[in-house]
N, C-alpha and C. Protein backbone atom coordinates (compact mmCIF):
# COMPACT_ATOMS: atom_id res chain seq x y z
N MET A 1 289.07 37.60 -156.28
CA MET A 1 288.80 38.67 -155.64
C MET A 1 289.21 39.82 -155.44
N SER A 2 289.26 40.85 -155.17
CA SER A 2 290.18 41.03 -154.90
C SER A 2 290.03 41.80 -153.17
N VAL A 3 291.10 42.78 -152.65
CA VAL A 3 291.62 42.39 -151.32
C VAL A 3 290.66 43.90 -150.71
N ASP A 4 289.91 44.31 -151.54
CA ASP A 4 289.20 45.71 -151.47
C ASP A 4 287.98 45.29 -151.86
N LYS A 5 287.07 44.05 -153.02
CA LYS A 5 286.16 43.66 -152.33
C LYS A 5 286.10 43.33 -151.32
N GLU A 6 287.28 42.10 -150.91
CA GLU A 6 286.52 41.70 -149.86
C GLU A 6 285.74 42.89 -148.58
N LYS A 7 287.61 43.57 -148.66
CA LYS A 7 286.60 44.67 -147.59
C LYS A 7 285.30 45.55 -147.26
N THR A 8 285.10 45.34 -148.39
CA THR A 8 284.18 46.37 -148.44
C THR A 8 283.26 45.14 -148.42
N LEU A 9 282.79 43.56 -148.09
CA LEU A 9 282.16 42.81 -148.35
C LEU A 9 281.89 42.63 -146.52
N GLU A 10 282.98 42.76 -145.75
CA GLU A 10 283.26 42.56 -144.90
C GLU A 10 282.85 43.40 -143.72
N GLN A 11 283.15 45.25 -144.13
CA GLN A 11 282.76 46.16 -144.20
C GLN A 11 280.45 46.19 -143.79
N ILE A 12 280.45 45.06 -145.04
CA ILE A 12 279.16 45.89 -145.02
C ILE A 12 278.39 44.68 -144.62
N ASP A 13 278.90 43.52 -144.21
CA ASP A 13 278.17 42.51 -143.50
C ASP A 13 278.19 43.05 -141.46
N SER A 14 279.18 44.09 -141.34
CA SER A 14 280.02 44.61 -140.11
C SER A 14 278.69 45.58 -140.42
N LEU A 15 277.94 46.66 -140.70
CA LEU A 15 277.36 47.03 -140.80
C LEU A 15 275.81 46.80 -140.57
N LYS A 16 275.61 45.63 -141.60
CA LYS A 16 274.31 44.84 -141.38
C LYS A 16 273.91 44.33 -139.54
N GLN A 17 275.38 44.01 -139.13
CA GLN A 17 275.55 43.57 -138.12
C GLN A 17 274.81 44.58 -137.14
N THR A 18 275.67 45.93 -137.11
CA THR A 18 275.75 47.01 -136.00
C THR A 18 273.56 47.12 -136.63
N VAL A 19 273.56 47.37 -138.11
CA VAL A 19 272.26 47.88 -137.70
C VAL A 19 270.81 46.98 -137.42
N ALA A 20 271.70 45.69 -137.18
CA ALA A 20 270.56 44.52 -136.72
C ALA A 20 270.68 44.93 -135.33
N GLU A 21 271.63 45.09 -134.79
CA GLU A 21 271.69 45.16 -132.92
C GLU A 21 271.42 46.88 -132.98
N ILE A 22 271.26 47.68 -133.23
CA ILE A 22 270.31 48.65 -133.16
C ILE A 22 268.90 48.78 -133.14
N LEU A 23 268.84 47.70 -134.39
CA LEU A 23 267.16 46.80 -134.15
C LEU A 23 266.69 46.41 -133.33
N ASP A 24 268.32 45.77 -132.50
CA ASP A 24 267.52 45.31 -131.57
C ASP A 24 267.14 45.51 -130.40
N GLU A 25 268.30 46.95 -130.29
CA GLU A 25 268.02 47.52 -129.22
C GLU A 25 266.72 48.86 -128.81
N ILE A 26 266.38 48.88 -130.51
CA ILE A 26 265.19 50.03 -130.45
C ILE A 26 264.06 48.64 -129.88
N ASP A 27 263.84 47.35 -130.65
CA ASP A 27 262.79 47.02 -130.19
C ASP A 27 263.08 46.82 -128.37
N ARG A 28 264.25 46.49 -128.29
CA ARG A 28 263.58 46.49 -126.82
C ARG A 28 263.50 47.69 -126.01
N LEU A 29 263.81 48.50 -126.40
CA LEU A 29 263.62 50.08 -125.88
C LEU A 29 262.17 50.27 -126.17
N SER A 30 262.13 50.03 -126.84
CA SER A 30 260.33 50.61 -127.09
C SER A 30 259.65 49.53 -126.07
N GLY A 31 259.62 47.91 -126.06
CA GLY A 31 259.25 47.27 -125.19
C GLY A 31 259.23 48.07 -123.64
N GLU A 32 260.47 48.35 -123.52
CA GLU A 32 260.76 49.45 -121.78
C GLU A 32 259.88 50.40 -121.67
N ILE A 33 259.61 51.12 -123.40
CA ILE A 33 258.92 52.48 -123.58
C ILE A 33 257.74 51.94 -123.09
N ASP A 34 257.50 51.20 -123.53
CA ASP A 34 255.69 50.71 -123.29
C ASP A 34 255.57 50.06 -121.77
N SER A 35 256.71 49.55 -121.63
CA SER A 35 255.72 48.98 -119.75
C SER A 35 255.94 49.99 -119.24
N GLN A 36 257.18 50.79 -119.62
CA GLN A 36 257.59 52.39 -118.40
C GLN A 36 256.06 52.88 -118.39
N SER A 37 255.81 53.17 -119.86
CA SER A 37 254.00 53.96 -119.56
C SER A 37 253.12 52.99 -119.37
N SER A 38 253.03 51.81 -119.33
CA SER A 38 251.98 51.22 -118.75
C SER A 38 252.02 50.71 -116.93
N GLU A 39 253.25 51.65 -117.13
CA GLU A 39 252.99 51.47 -115.39
C GLU A 39 252.97 52.72 -115.04
N ALA A 40 253.40 54.05 -116.36
CA ALA A 40 253.07 55.69 -115.15
C ALA A 40 251.60 55.66 -115.47
N GLU A 41 250.74 54.38 -116.55
CA GLU A 41 249.48 55.34 -116.82
C GLU A 41 248.55 54.25 -115.29
N GLN A 42 249.39 53.19 -115.42
CA GLN A 42 249.33 52.30 -113.80
C GLN A 42 248.69 53.39 -112.39
N LEU A 43 249.80 53.83 -112.32
CA LEU A 43 250.21 54.68 -110.84
C LEU A 43 249.25 55.66 -111.76
N ARG A 44 249.42 56.35 -112.62
CA ARG A 44 248.42 58.29 -112.74
C ARG A 44 246.73 57.42 -112.49
N ALA A 45 246.62 56.20 -112.43
CA ALA A 45 245.21 55.42 -112.56
C ALA A 45 244.79 55.24 -111.11
N GLU A 46 246.40 54.97 -110.49
CA GLU A 46 245.96 54.61 -109.28
C GLU A 46 245.96 55.62 -108.24
N LYS A 47 246.98 56.67 -108.56
CA LYS A 47 246.91 58.77 -107.78
C LYS A 47 245.30 58.35 -107.84
N ARG A 48 244.89 58.95 -109.41
CA ARG A 48 243.33 59.47 -109.38
C ARG A 48 242.53 58.64 -108.23
N GLU A 49 242.80 57.42 -108.14
CA GLU A 49 241.33 56.78 -107.54
C GLU A 49 242.72 57.20 -106.32
N ALA A 50 243.46 56.87 -105.76
CA ALA A 50 243.35 57.97 -104.49
C ALA A 50 242.96 59.01 -103.78
N GLU A 51 243.12 59.70 -105.07
CA GLU A 51 242.72 61.24 -104.70
C GLU A 51 241.37 61.78 -104.83
N GLU A 52 240.48 60.45 -105.71
CA GLU A 52 239.22 60.39 -105.43
C GLU A 52 238.66 59.95 -104.14
N LYS A 53 239.52 58.99 -103.62
CA LYS A 53 238.98 58.71 -102.05
C LYS A 53 239.65 59.80 -101.06
N ILE A 54 240.34 60.17 -100.93
CA ILE A 54 241.07 61.25 -100.85
C ILE A 54 239.59 62.27 -99.89
N TRP A 55 239.58 62.92 -101.77
CA TRP A 55 238.49 63.56 -101.56
C TRP A 55 236.78 63.43 -101.35
N ALA A 56 236.92 61.87 -101.34
CA ALA A 56 235.68 61.33 -101.04
C ALA A 56 235.50 61.39 -99.30
N ALA A 57 236.78 60.71 -98.02
CA ALA A 57 236.92 61.20 -97.32
C ALA A 57 236.95 62.36 -96.53
N GLU A 58 236.70 63.56 -97.41
CA GLU A 58 236.94 64.65 -97.42
C GLU A 58 235.96 65.29 -96.91
N GLU A 59 234.69 64.80 -98.23
CA GLU A 59 233.70 65.27 -97.96
C GLU A 59 232.48 64.79 -96.48
N LYS A 60 233.28 63.81 -96.50
CA LYS A 60 232.41 62.50 -95.81
C LYS A 60 232.86 63.33 -94.01
N ALA A 61 233.86 63.56 -93.83
CA ALA A 61 234.53 64.45 -92.38
C ALA A 61 233.80 66.08 -92.70
N GLN A 62 233.72 66.85 -93.70
CA GLN A 62 232.71 68.28 -93.92
C GLN A 62 231.51 67.34 -93.37
N LYS A 63 231.14 66.46 -93.50
CA LYS A 63 229.43 66.26 -93.48
C LYS A 63 229.88 65.84 -92.16
N ALA A 64 230.27 64.91 -91.58
CA ALA A 64 230.25 64.62 -90.01
C ALA A 64 230.48 65.85 -89.33
N GLU A 65 231.41 67.16 -89.56
CA GLU A 65 231.34 67.87 -88.91
C GLU A 65 230.21 69.16 -88.88
N SER A 66 229.78 69.04 -90.49
CA SER A 66 228.06 69.41 -90.06
C SER A 66 227.19 69.12 -89.24
N GLU A 67 227.61 67.69 -89.30
CA GLU A 67 226.09 67.04 -88.40
C GLU A 67 226.36 66.93 -87.11
N LEU A 68 227.73 67.25 -87.37
CA LEU A 68 228.27 68.03 -84.95
C LEU A 68 228.08 68.47 -84.79
N GLU A 69 227.89 69.75 -85.30
CA GLU A 69 227.77 70.64 -85.16
C GLU A 69 226.53 71.12 -85.01
N SER A 70 225.99 71.02 -85.93
CA SER A 70 224.19 70.85 -85.48
C SER A 70 223.64 70.29 -84.71
N LEU A 71 224.37 69.16 -84.41
CA LEU A 71 223.86 68.32 -83.10
C LEU A 71 223.70 69.11 -82.08
N GLY A 72 225.10 68.89 -81.78
CA GLY A 72 226.02 70.61 -81.19
C GLY A 72 224.87 71.60 -80.54
N GLU A 73 224.08 72.07 -81.93
CA GLU A 73 223.34 73.28 -80.96
C GLU A 73 221.99 72.58 -80.65
N GLN A 74 221.59 71.15 -80.86
CA GLN A 74 219.96 70.68 -80.74
C GLN A 74 220.48 70.30 -79.49
N MET A 75 221.42 70.23 -78.78
CA MET A 75 221.60 69.70 -77.46
C MET A 75 221.51 70.56 -76.73
N LYS A 76 222.41 71.94 -77.36
CA LYS A 76 222.16 73.03 -76.29
C LYS A 76 220.37 73.43 -76.19
N THR A 77 219.53 73.01 -77.91
CA THR A 77 218.45 74.00 -77.15
C THR A 77 217.63 73.02 -75.98
N ALA A 78 218.44 72.01 -76.57
CA ALA A 78 217.45 70.67 -76.42
C ALA A 78 217.70 71.04 -73.72
N GLU A 79 219.25 71.12 -73.84
CA GLU A 79 219.60 72.06 -72.19
C GLU A 79 218.84 73.06 -72.02
N ALA A 80 218.44 73.41 -72.66
CA ALA A 80 217.65 75.27 -72.70
C ALA A 80 216.45 74.68 -72.22
N GLU A 81 215.76 73.71 -72.67
CA GLU A 81 213.95 73.50 -72.56
C GLU A 81 214.23 73.00 -71.55
N ILE A 82 215.18 71.87 -71.48
CA ILE A 82 215.03 71.05 -70.21
C ILE A 82 214.98 72.22 -68.62
N GLU A 83 216.35 72.74 -69.02
CA GLU A 83 216.26 73.95 -67.85
C GLU A 83 215.31 74.93 -67.56
N ALA A 84 214.34 75.32 -68.76
CA ALA A 84 212.99 76.34 -68.88
C ALA A 84 212.13 75.16 -67.76
N LEU A 85 212.11 73.55 -68.49
CA LEU A 85 211.00 73.30 -67.90
C LEU A 85 211.22 72.87 -66.05
N LYS A 86 212.71 72.63 -65.67
CA LYS A 86 212.42 72.24 -64.29
C LYS A 86 212.63 73.77 -63.76
N SER A 87 213.13 75.88 -64.76
CA SER A 87 212.44 76.66 -63.44
C SER A 87 210.38 76.62 -63.71
N ASP A 88 210.23 76.22 -64.81
CA ASP A 88 208.21 76.42 -64.47
C ASP A 88 208.18 75.19 -63.54
N THR A 89 208.65 73.73 -63.62
CA THR A 89 208.33 73.16 -63.11
C THR A 89 208.12 73.39 -60.94
N ALA A 90 209.87 74.01 -60.97
CA ALA A 90 210.37 74.81 -59.16
C ALA A 90 208.81 76.03 -58.60
N LYS A 91 208.51 76.95 -59.83
CA LYS A 91 207.83 77.79 -59.88
C LYS A 91 206.62 77.32 -59.47
N ASP A 92 206.28 76.03 -59.91
CA ASP A 92 204.44 75.42 -60.13
C ASP A 92 204.86 74.73 -58.55
N GLU A 93 205.92 74.50 -58.56
CA GLU A 93 205.49 73.89 -57.04
C GLU A 93 205.46 75.26 -56.41
N GLN A 94 206.41 75.74 -56.19
CA GLN A 94 206.67 76.91 -55.67
C GLN A 94 204.73 77.96 -55.01
N ILE A 95 204.23 77.77 -56.34
CA ILE A 95 203.02 78.81 -56.25
C ILE A 95 202.65 77.62 -55.77
N GLU A 96 202.66 75.98 -55.88
CA GLU A 96 201.24 75.26 -55.17
C GLU A 96 201.30 75.11 -53.70
N THR A 97 202.78 75.40 -53.15
CA THR A 97 203.40 75.89 -51.50
C THR A 97 202.39 76.56 -51.49
N LEU A 98 203.26 78.01 -51.79
CA LEU A 98 202.17 79.67 -51.54
C LEU A 98 200.43 79.67 -51.35
N ARG A 99 200.17 78.98 -51.96
CA ARG A 99 198.46 78.29 -52.34
C ARG A 99 198.00 77.69 -50.85
N ARG A 100 198.25 76.39 -50.70
CA ARG A 100 198.49 75.86 -49.52
C ARG A 100 198.63 76.57 -48.21
N GLU A 101 200.02 77.54 -48.44
CA GLU A 101 200.33 77.95 -46.97
C GLU A 101 199.29 79.50 -46.73
N ARG A 102 198.72 79.93 -48.27
CA ARG A 102 197.59 80.54 -48.03
C ARG A 102 196.51 79.79 -47.30
N ASP A 103 196.60 79.33 -47.88
CA ASP A 103 195.06 78.44 -47.39
C ASP A 103 194.80 78.17 -45.70
N GLU A 104 196.66 77.90 -45.48
CA GLU A 104 195.78 77.18 -44.38
C GLU A 104 196.22 78.55 -43.47
N LEU A 105 196.89 79.15 -43.54
CA LEU A 105 196.63 80.40 -43.08
C LEU A 105 195.44 80.92 -43.12
N GLN A 106 194.37 80.71 -43.82
CA GLN A 106 193.51 81.96 -44.05
C GLN A 106 192.06 80.83 -43.10
N ALA A 107 192.31 79.31 -43.34
CA ALA A 107 192.18 78.61 -42.53
C ALA A 107 191.87 78.58 -40.81
N GLU A 108 193.67 78.83 -40.54
CA GLU A 108 193.85 79.24 -39.52
C GLU A 108 193.83 80.63 -38.75
N MET A 109 193.07 81.53 -39.49
CA MET A 109 193.02 83.22 -39.41
C MET A 109 191.25 82.98 -38.96
N ASP A 110 190.54 82.16 -40.16
CA ASP A 110 188.79 81.53 -39.77
C ASP A 110 188.72 81.56 -38.24
N GLU A 111 189.40 79.91 -38.23
CA GLU A 111 189.73 79.47 -37.18
C GLU A 111 190.12 80.81 -35.57
N ILE A 112 190.89 81.48 -35.44
CA ILE A 112 191.13 82.78 -34.75
C ILE A 112 189.84 83.53 -35.08
N THR A 113 188.82 83.91 -35.59
CA THR A 113 188.48 85.10 -36.05
C THR A 113 187.00 84.54 -34.74
N GLY A 114 186.50 82.98 -35.09
CA GLY A 114 186.01 82.91 -35.30
C GLY A 114 185.56 82.64 -33.32
N LYS A 115 186.95 82.01 -33.04
CA LYS A 115 187.32 81.84 -31.24
C LYS A 115 187.37 83.67 -30.81
N LEU A 116 187.85 84.27 -31.51
CA LEU A 116 187.96 85.21 -31.12
C LEU A 116 186.00 86.10 -31.30
N GLU A 117 185.00 85.85 -31.82
CA GLU A 117 184.07 86.25 -31.88
C GLU A 117 183.24 85.18 -30.64
N ARG A 118 183.23 84.35 -30.27
CA ARG A 118 182.72 83.57 -29.15
C ARG A 118 182.98 84.06 -27.93
N VAL A 119 184.82 84.66 -27.99
CA VAL A 119 185.62 85.36 -26.16
C VAL A 119 184.86 86.64 -25.98
N SER A 120 184.63 87.53 -27.36
CA SER A 120 183.59 88.37 -27.20
C SER A 120 182.71 88.26 -26.87
N GLU A 121 181.66 87.51 -27.03
CA GLU A 121 180.63 87.26 -27.30
C GLU A 121 180.23 86.73 -25.21
N LEU A 122 181.82 85.89 -24.76
CA LEU A 122 181.29 85.21 -24.28
C LEU A 122 181.53 86.89 -22.65
N TYR A 123 182.62 87.13 -23.46
CA TYR A 123 182.90 88.69 -22.49
C TYR A 123 181.58 89.12 -21.94
N ARG A 124 181.17 89.99 -23.33
CA ARG A 124 179.41 90.87 -23.08
C ARG A 124 178.36 89.77 -21.94
N GLU A 125 178.62 89.27 -22.06
CA GLU A 125 177.64 88.36 -22.02
C GLU A 125 177.96 87.98 -20.12
N THR A 126 179.20 88.24 -19.68
CA THR A 126 180.17 88.22 -18.18
C THR A 126 179.47 90.19 -18.39
N ALA A 127 180.14 90.81 -18.71
CA ALA A 127 179.91 91.77 -18.51
C ALA A 127 178.40 92.32 -18.06
N ALA A 128 177.60 91.98 -19.38
CA ALA A 128 176.09 92.17 -19.50
C ALA A 128 175.37 91.48 -17.26
N GLU A 129 175.95 90.14 -17.75
CA GLU A 129 175.24 89.86 -16.21
C GLU A 129 176.51 90.62 -14.84
N LYS A 130 177.29 91.32 -15.14
CA LYS A 130 177.19 92.20 -14.04
C LYS A 130 176.77 93.64 -13.74
N GLU A 131 176.44 93.91 -14.77
CA GLU A 131 175.68 94.80 -14.13
C GLU A 131 174.09 94.64 -14.34
N LYS A 132 173.62 93.30 -15.05
CA LYS A 132 172.63 92.80 -14.06
C LYS A 132 172.43 92.67 -12.98
N LEU A 133 172.91 92.33 -12.49
CA LEU A 133 173.49 91.84 -11.28
C LEU A 133 174.15 93.04 -9.70
N GLU A 134 174.40 94.37 -10.49
CA GLU A 134 174.92 95.15 -10.07
C GLU A 134 175.91 94.99 -9.43
N GLU A 135 176.95 94.24 -9.34
CA GLU A 135 177.98 93.07 -8.86
C GLU A 135 178.87 94.88 -8.95
N LYS A 136 179.98 94.62 -8.22
CA LYS A 136 181.04 95.44 -8.41
C LYS A 136 182.00 94.38 -8.44
N VAL A 137 182.46 93.77 -10.07
CA VAL A 137 184.12 93.00 -9.53
C VAL A 137 185.52 93.92 -10.72
N ASP A 138 185.65 93.32 -9.91
CA ASP A 138 187.19 94.26 -10.17
C ASP A 138 188.08 94.36 -11.08
N VAL A 139 188.36 94.89 -12.28
CA VAL A 139 188.38 94.51 -13.55
C VAL A 139 189.86 94.06 -13.65
N SER A 140 190.69 93.68 -12.94
CA SER A 140 191.66 92.55 -12.93
C SER A 140 191.18 91.08 -12.80
N ASP A 141 189.87 90.97 -11.72
CA ASP A 141 189.65 89.41 -12.34
C ASP A 141 188.48 89.55 -13.52
N LEU A 142 187.83 90.16 -13.88
CA LEU A 142 188.24 90.02 -15.81
C LEU A 142 188.78 89.79 -16.43
N LEU A 143 189.72 90.40 -16.21
CA LEU A 143 190.97 90.35 -17.10
C LEU A 143 191.28 88.90 -17.42
N ALA A 144 191.78 88.45 -15.19
CA ALA A 144 191.92 86.77 -15.45
C ALA A 144 190.94 85.71 -15.91
N ILE A 145 190.05 86.55 -15.97
CA ILE A 145 188.60 85.15 -16.36
C ILE A 145 188.96 85.21 -17.94
N TYR A 146 189.41 86.31 -18.77
CA TYR A 146 189.13 86.35 -20.07
C TYR A 146 190.65 85.45 -20.74
N ILE A 147 191.80 86.06 -19.49
CA ILE A 147 193.29 84.84 -20.28
C ILE A 147 193.15 83.96 -19.96
N VAL A 148 192.44 83.51 -18.39
CA VAL A 148 192.46 82.10 -18.96
C VAL A 148 190.94 80.96 -20.16
N LEU A 149 190.15 82.05 -20.71
CA LEU A 149 189.16 82.64 -21.66
C LEU A 149 190.61 81.83 -23.39
N ILE A 150 191.17 83.00 -23.10
CA ILE A 150 191.66 82.58 -24.62
C ILE A 150 193.12 81.98 -24.41
N GLU A 151 193.98 80.96 -23.27
CA GLU A 151 194.19 80.45 -23.08
C GLU A 151 194.00 78.76 -23.52
N ASN A 152 192.89 78.67 -22.97
CA ASN A 152 192.18 77.53 -22.96
C ASN A 152 191.64 77.48 -25.25
N ILE A 153 190.99 78.73 -24.98
CA ILE A 153 190.40 78.03 -26.02
C ILE A 153 191.67 78.61 -27.75
N PHE A 154 192.84 79.22 -27.51
CA PHE A 154 193.71 78.90 -28.19
C PHE A 154 195.06 78.09 -28.27
N GLY A 155 194.91 77.49 -26.96
CA GLY A 155 196.49 76.59 -26.82
C GLY A 155 197.82 77.57 -26.57
N GLY A 156 197.50 78.36 -26.44
CA GLY A 156 198.56 79.08 -25.37
C GLY A 156 199.63 79.95 -27.12
N LYS A 157 198.75 79.13 -27.66
CA LYS A 157 199.05 79.95 -29.50
C LYS A 157 199.76 81.58 -29.95
N PRO A 158 200.50 81.47 -30.47
CA PRO A 158 201.08 82.67 -30.49
C PRO A 158 200.04 84.02 -31.36
N HIS A 159 199.46 83.83 -32.00
CA HIS A 159 198.42 84.48 -32.09
C HIS A 159 198.03 85.03 -30.94
N ALA A 160 197.13 84.58 -29.95
CA ALA A 160 196.74 84.89 -29.11
C ALA A 160 197.69 85.75 -27.73
N ARG A 161 198.85 85.50 -27.27
CA ARG A 161 200.02 85.20 -26.46
C ARG A 161 200.66 86.92 -26.83
N VAL A 162 200.94 87.27 -28.27
CA VAL A 162 201.49 88.53 -28.96
C VAL A 162 199.64 88.99 -29.08
N LEU A 163 198.70 89.64 -28.92
CA LEU A 163 197.46 89.85 -29.24
C LEU A 163 197.44 90.58 -27.10
N TYR A 164 197.20 89.66 -25.96
CA TYR A 164 197.64 89.63 -24.95
C TYR A 164 198.71 90.32 -24.42
N THR A 165 200.17 91.13 -24.58
CA THR A 165 201.52 91.13 -24.37
C THR A 165 201.07 93.10 -24.77
N LEU A 166 200.69 92.77 -26.15
CA LEU A 166 200.07 93.89 -26.59
C LEU A 166 199.19 94.65 -25.78
N HIS A 167 197.96 93.67 -25.39
CA HIS A 167 197.09 94.64 -25.07
C HIS A 167 197.28 95.27 -23.50
N ASN A 168 198.44 94.40 -22.46
CA ASN A 168 198.58 95.12 -21.44
C ASN A 168 199.52 95.93 -21.81
N THR A 169 200.80 96.41 -23.01
CA THR A 169 201.46 97.24 -22.96
C THR A 169 201.41 98.42 -23.08
N LYS A 170 199.66 98.59 -23.97
CA LYS A 170 199.14 99.96 -24.68
C LYS A 170 199.47 100.67 -25.48
N THR A 171 201.16 100.16 -25.83
CA THR A 171 201.44 100.87 -26.88
C THR A 171 202.52 100.21 -28.15
N ALA A 172 203.32 100.43 -28.92
CA ALA A 172 204.05 100.11 -29.36
C ALA A 172 205.12 99.49 -28.76
N ILE A 173 205.12 98.12 -29.29
CA ILE A 173 206.66 97.64 -28.62
C ILE A 173 207.34 96.51 -30.14
N THR A 174 208.41 96.01 -29.66
CA THR A 174 209.43 96.53 -30.97
C THR A 174 208.62 94.35 -30.50
N ARG A 175 208.87 94.07 -31.95
CA ARG A 175 209.36 92.43 -32.44
C ARG A 175 210.46 91.71 -31.21
N LYS A 176 210.93 92.51 -31.13
CA LYS A 176 212.32 91.22 -30.54
C LYS A 176 211.32 91.42 -28.96
N ASN A 177 211.35 92.66 -28.48
CA ASN A 177 210.80 92.43 -27.05
C ASN A 177 209.69 92.13 -27.17
N ILE A 178 208.79 91.51 -27.85
CA ILE A 178 207.22 90.24 -27.58
C ILE A 178 208.09 88.94 -27.88
N GLU A 179 208.98 88.71 -28.83
CA GLU A 179 210.22 87.28 -28.43
C GLU A 179 210.31 86.97 -27.13
N SER A 180 210.97 88.12 -26.66
CA SER A 180 211.75 88.03 -25.36
C SER A 180 211.25 87.69 -23.79
N SER A 181 209.20 88.34 -24.26
CA SER A 181 208.41 88.48 -23.13
C SER A 181 207.75 87.16 -23.11
N THR A 182 207.65 87.18 -24.91
CA THR A 182 206.55 85.20 -24.69
C THR A 182 207.25 84.48 -24.70
N GLY A 183 208.88 84.21 -25.11
CA GLY A 183 209.46 83.55 -25.37
C GLY A 183 208.98 82.27 -26.59
N ILE A 184 208.42 83.31 -27.26
CA ILE A 184 208.18 82.34 -29.24
C ILE A 184 208.92 82.39 -29.29
N MET A 185 209.89 81.77 -30.22
CA MET A 185 210.47 81.09 -31.79
C MET A 185 210.65 82.85 -32.58
N PRO A 186 211.35 83.36 -33.09
CA PRO A 186 211.38 84.50 -34.06
C PRO A 186 209.97 84.44 -34.62
N THR A 187 211.02 82.83 -35.85
CA THR A 187 209.38 82.88 -36.92
C THR A 187 208.57 82.58 -36.92
N ALA A 188 207.98 82.12 -35.57
CA ALA A 188 206.40 82.13 -34.84
C ALA A 188 205.79 83.34 -34.28
N VAL A 189 206.32 84.54 -34.07
CA VAL A 189 205.78 85.64 -33.70
C VAL A 189 205.98 86.48 -34.59
N ILE A 190 206.67 86.20 -36.04
CA ILE A 190 206.67 87.17 -37.51
C ILE A 190 205.22 86.68 -38.15
N LYS A 191 205.33 84.81 -38.12
CA LYS A 191 203.39 85.05 -38.89
C LYS A 191 202.95 85.26 -38.06
N ALA A 192 202.73 85.76 -36.26
CA ALA A 192 201.28 85.54 -35.79
C ALA A 192 201.54 87.21 -36.18
N ILE A 193 202.67 87.89 -35.74
CA ILE A 193 202.24 89.75 -36.21
C ILE A 193 201.82 90.03 -37.91
N HIS A 194 202.56 88.99 -38.48
CA HIS A 194 202.35 89.42 -40.06
C HIS A 194 200.16 89.14 -40.40
N ASP A 195 199.28 87.76 -39.54
CA ASP A 195 198.58 87.27 -40.13
C ASP A 195 197.45 88.34 -38.99
N LEU A 196 197.47 88.67 -37.84
CA LEU A 196 197.22 89.38 -37.04
C LEU A 196 196.99 91.00 -37.94
N ARG A 197 198.25 91.33 -38.67
CA ARG A 197 198.19 92.51 -39.46
C ARG A 197 197.17 92.60 -40.74
N ASN A 198 197.47 91.64 -41.08
CA ASN A 198 196.45 90.95 -42.13
C ASN A 198 194.44 91.27 -41.68
N ALA A 199 194.43 90.60 -40.98
CA ALA A 199 193.16 90.41 -39.89
C ALA A 199 193.11 92.29 -39.39
N ASP A 200 193.70 93.14 -39.25
CA ASP A 200 193.44 94.57 -39.22
C ASP A 200 193.53 94.22 -37.30
N LEU A 201 193.76 93.50 -36.91
CA LEU A 201 194.54 93.57 -36.10
C LEU A 201 195.65 94.59 -35.39
N VAL A 202 196.39 94.47 -35.93
CA VAL A 202 198.27 95.38 -35.30
C VAL A 202 198.31 96.38 -36.85
N SER A 203 199.12 96.67 -36.39
CA SER A 203 199.79 97.59 -37.42
C SER A 203 201.47 97.25 -36.81
N TYR A 204 202.18 97.12 -37.95
CA TYR A 204 203.38 96.68 -37.90
C TYR A 204 204.40 97.41 -39.05
N ASP A 205 205.96 98.77 -38.49
CA ASP A 205 206.83 99.05 -39.05
C ASP A 205 206.95 98.40 -39.46
N GLU A 206 207.46 97.79 -40.84
CA GLU A 206 209.14 97.33 -41.08
C GLU A 206 210.64 97.55 -40.93
N GLU A 207 210.52 98.76 -40.60
CA GLU A 207 211.78 98.89 -40.24
C GLU A 207 211.86 99.17 -39.22
N SER A 208 211.21 99.55 -38.44
CA SER A 208 211.59 99.88 -36.50
C SER A 208 211.05 98.25 -35.94
N GLN A 209 210.52 97.64 -36.84
CA GLN A 209 209.95 96.73 -36.32
C GLN A 209 208.88 96.78 -34.82
N GLU A 210 208.05 97.98 -34.94
CA GLU A 210 207.35 97.67 -34.01
C GLU A 210 205.68 97.73 -34.08
N VAL A 211 205.08 96.52 -33.21
CA VAL A 211 204.05 96.39 -33.37
C VAL A 211 203.36 96.86 -32.86
N LYS A 212 202.05 97.63 -33.25
CA LYS A 212 200.68 98.58 -32.24
C LYS A 212 199.65 97.55 -32.27
N LEU A 213 198.76 97.51 -31.25
CA LEU A 213 197.31 96.72 -31.27
C LEU A 213 196.46 98.14 -31.35
N ILE A 214 195.68 98.09 -32.77
CA ILE A 214 194.59 98.95 -33.40
C ILE A 214 193.78 98.99 -32.83
N LYS A 215 193.28 97.58 -32.51
CA LYS A 215 191.88 97.09 -32.71
C LYS A 215 191.51 96.52 -31.11
N GLU A 216 191.27 97.19 -30.01
CA GLU A 216 190.92 96.58 -29.12
C GLU A 216 190.10 95.67 -28.60
N ILE A 217 190.53 94.50 -27.94
CA ILE A 217 189.92 93.01 -28.06
C ILE A 217 189.03 93.27 -26.53
N MET A 218 189.86 93.45 -25.64
CA MET A 218 188.65 93.44 -24.17
C MET A 218 188.01 94.09 -24.13
């Protein structure tokens, strides 16, 4: 066998070996590519799953925010209703209190009116008796008797003392002067003045605070 032929055979064997190595490398690279492709696909799947979870979480968060906002509006409405109920309750209580005070004042005015009528009747009987007996009775004596009757019947109530003070002055007198002359508490004097004004017994000027007897009692 010639030298050239041997070299050619050696080159062929070497080329075969190289081709075999290349094929092995191709197989190895193909395996790696397949493995990487599988890993990439798995990563893509995991990414999609993660994205879906994120989207679901965002949707839940938006829904929760919407529900929270709705609950906030409901809470405001409920608080407004509670305040309205409190206001209505307070108004009802105030109205009921005013009604009770009105009824009490009316009862007191009825009592005062009845007692005034009885006192007036006693005074008329005394005057008639005086005329019948033709006695000369001093006016101051009659007034003294009348004062005793008032004090006994009214028990020193502010209404009687205010009337007595106005009767003695015969002119308008300020509320402050009535308070100082009678020694009655200001609130009691104001109440008595208003009651007497409602009964058309006195007039009261809110600005000047002057009280005047408009109906003679004695």
